[in-house]
C-alpha atoms as a PDB file:
ATOM      1  CA  MET A   1     250.204  24.809 100.779  1.00  0.00           C
ATOM      2  CA  ARG A   2     248.359  27.736  99.187  1.00  0.00           C
ATOM      3  CA  LYS A   3     249.714  29.984  96.474  1.00  0.00           C
ATOM      4  CA  ARG A   4     248.357  33.046  94.705  1.00  0.00           C
ATOM      5  CA  ALA A   5     248.120  33.268  90.940  1.00  0.00           C
ATOM      6  CA  THR A   6     246.761  35.717  88.412  1.00  0.00           C
ATOM      7  CA  VAL A   7     244.058  34.465  86.079  1.00  0.00           C
ATOM      8  CA  VAL A   8     245.292  35.567  82.650  1.00  0.00           C
ATOM      9  CA  ASN A   9     242.310  34.157  80.767  1.00  0.00           C
ATOM     10  CA  VAL A  10     239.562  31.631  81.359  1.00  0.00           C
ATOM     11  CA  SER A  11     237.128  29.629  79.259  1.00  0.00           C
ATOM     12  CA  ARG A  12     234.694  26.817  79.998  1.00  0.00           C
ATOM     13  CA  SER A  13     237.387  24.248  79.188  1.00  0.00           C
ATOM     14  CA  GLY A  14     240.414  25.762  80.918  1.00  0.00           C
ATOM     15  CA  ALA A  15     242.484  28.714  82.046  1.00  0.00           C
ATOM     16  CA  ARG A  16     245.894  30.302  81.806  1.00  0.00           C
ATOM     17  CA  LEU A  17     247.370  31.245  85.180  1.00  0.00           C
ATOM     18  CA  ARG A  18     250.448  33.295  86.064  1.00  0.00           C
ATOM     19  CA  GLY A  19     252.548  32.980  89.208  1.00  0.00           C
ATOM     20  CA  LEU A  20     252.698  29.222  89.798  1.00  0.00           C
ATOM     21  CA  ASP A  21     256.229  28.042  89.127  1.00  0.00           C
ATOM     22  CA  HIS A  22     255.909  24.819  91.150  1.00  0.00           C
ATOM     23  CA  VAL A  23     253.245  23.158  88.941  1.00  0.00           C
ATOM     24  CA  LYS A  24     254.361  20.689  86.279  1.00  0.00           C
ATOM     25  CA  ARG A  25     252.630  19.306  83.202  1.00  0.00           C
ATOM     26  CA  GLY A  26     250.326  16.487  84.214  1.00  0.00           C
ATOM     27  CA  ASP A  27     249.818  17.673  87.810  1.00  0.00           C
ATOM     28  CA  LYS A  28     246.263  17.185  88.977  1.00  0.00           C
ATOM     29  CA  LEU A  29     244.699  20.191  90.663  1.00  0.00           C
ATOM     30  CA  GLN A  30     241.546  20.710  92.647  1.00  0.00           C
ATOM     31  CA  LEU A  31     240.157  24.238  92.650  1.00  0.00           C
ATOM     32  CA  ASP A  32     237.503  25.772  94.849  1.00  0.00           C
ATOM     33  CA  VAL A  33     235.801  28.122  92.406  1.00  0.00           C
ATOM     34  CA  LEU A  34     233.166  30.255  94.125  1.00  0.00           C
ATOM     35  CA  SER A  35     232.625  27.477  96.712  1.00  0.00           C
ATOM     36  CA  ASN A  36     232.308  24.851  93.966  1.00  0.00           C
ATOM     37  CA  PRO A  37     235.009  22.165  93.725  1.00  0.00           C
ATOM     38  CA  VAL A  38     236.504  21.911  90.233  1.00  0.00           C
ATOM     39  CA  ASP A  39     239.077  19.353  89.116  1.00  0.00           C
ATOM     40  CA  ALA A  40     241.742  20.328  86.601  1.00  0.00           C
ATOM     41  CA  VAL A  41     244.977  19.084  85.101  1.00  0.00           C
ATOM     42  CA  ALA A  42     248.025  21.114  84.088  1.00  0.00           C
ATOM     43  CA  LEU A  43     248.495  20.864  80.331  1.00  0.00           C
ATOM     44  CA  TRP A  44     251.658  22.964  80.165  1.00  0.00           C
ATOM     45  CA  ALA A  45     253.934  25.010  82.390  1.00  0.00           C
ATOM     46  CA  SER A  46     256.482  27.617  81.334  1.00  0.00           C
ATOM     47  CA  SER A  47     258.168  30.594  83.046  1.00  0.00           C
ATOM     48  CA  GLY A  48     255.714  30.775  85.947  1.00  0.00           C
ATOM     49  CA  GLU A  49     252.594  30.353  83.809  1.00  0.00           C
ATOM     50  CA  ILE A  50     250.446  27.261  83.426  1.00  0.00           C
ATOM     51  CA  GLY A  51     247.628  26.158  81.217  1.00  0.00           C
ATOM     52  CA  ILE A  52     244.971  24.022  82.869  1.00  0.00           C
ATOM     53  CA  ALA A  53     242.018  22.022  81.599  1.00  0.00           C
ATOM     54  CA  PHE A  54     238.924  21.829  83.783  1.00  0.00           C
ATOM     55  CA  ARG A  55     237.512  18.312  84.272  1.00  0.00           C
ATOM     56  CA  PRO A  56     234.583  18.625  83.581  1.00  0.00           C
ATOM     57  CA  ALA A  57     234.198  21.993  81.862  1.00  0.00           C
ATOM     58  CA  LEU A  58     232.916  24.936  83.921  1.00  0.00           C
ATOM     59  CA  SER A  59     229.241  25.804  83.786  1.00  0.00           C
ATOM     60  CA  GLU A  60     228.279  29.011  81.989  1.00  0.00           C
ATOM     61  CA  ARG A  61     227.191  30.483  85.350  1.00  0.00           C
ATOM     62  CA  ILE A  62     230.582  29.925  86.994  1.00  0.00           C
ATOM     63  CA  LEU A  63     232.435  31.132  83.895  1.00  0.00           C
ATOM     64  CA  THR A  64     230.374  34.336  83.777  1.00  0.00           C
ATOM     65  CA  LEU A  65     231.000  35.030  87.458  1.00  0.00           C
ATOM     66  CA  LEU A  66     234.743  34.496  87.038  1.00  0.00           C
ATOM     67  CA  ARG A  67     234.891  36.777  84.015  1.00  0.00           C
ATOM     68  CA  GLN A  68     232.981  39.444  85.908  1.00  0.00           C
ATOM     69  CA  GLY A  69     235.521  39.214  88.726  1.00  0.00           C
ATOM     70  CA  HIS A  70     233.351  37.643  91.431  1.00  0.00           C
ATOM     71  CA  CYS A  71     236.149  35.420  92.726  1.00  0.00           C
ATOM     72  CA  GLY A  72     235.681  36.031  96.424  1.00  0.00           C
ATOM     73  CA  PRO A  73     237.261  38.459  98.875  1.00  0.00           C
ATOM     74  CA  GLN A  74     240.630  38.867  97.123  1.00  0.00           C
ATOM     75  CA  ASN A  75     241.459  41.065  94.159  1.00  0.00           C
ATOM     76  CA  LYS A  76     239.239  40.055  91.267  1.00  0.00           C
ATOM     77  CA  GLU A  77     242.211  38.995  89.143  1.00  0.00           C
ATOM     78  CA  THR A  78     243.929  36.971  91.849  1.00  0.00           C
ATOM     79  CA  ALA A  79     243.218  33.423  92.905  1.00  0.00           C
ATOM     80  CA  GLY A  80     244.626  31.462  95.843  1.00  0.00           C
ATOM     81  CA  PHE A  81     246.220  28.124  95.015  1.00  0.00           C
ATOM     82  CA  GLY A  82     247.812  25.238  96.866  1.00  0.00           C
ATOM     83  CA  HIS A  83     249.649  22.221  95.522  1.00  0.00           C
ATOM     84  CA  PRO A  84     248.984  19.481  94.521  1.00  0.00           C
ATOM     85  CA  TYR A  85     245.306  20.324  95.067  1.00  0.00           C
ATOM     86  CA  PRO A  86     245.012  24.098  94.585  1.00  0.00           C
ATOM     87  CA  GLU A  87     242.028  26.104  95.648  1.00  0.00           C
ATOM     88  CA  MET A  88     240.696  29.092  93.806  1.00  0.00           C
ATOM     89  CA  HIS A  89     238.598  31.682  95.627  1.00  0.00           C
END
């Protein structure tokens, strides 16, 4: 199942996402970030927002592309997610 979420902020070590009310603390996630698989874990979840930690941390190249909004064909602030292994485009 895929869901859409808004990337509120992102760093090499993690991100804050809005719009995912089905994710719980401790859930393991797998993201497809710019065609690169990235593992993450939910550190917290509250009122439709979650904080995730990337495992391992993102490379500077991927982080720069995400911050510049090169997240694929969707709106630059929107990412597609599924559960329990979300994908980010």
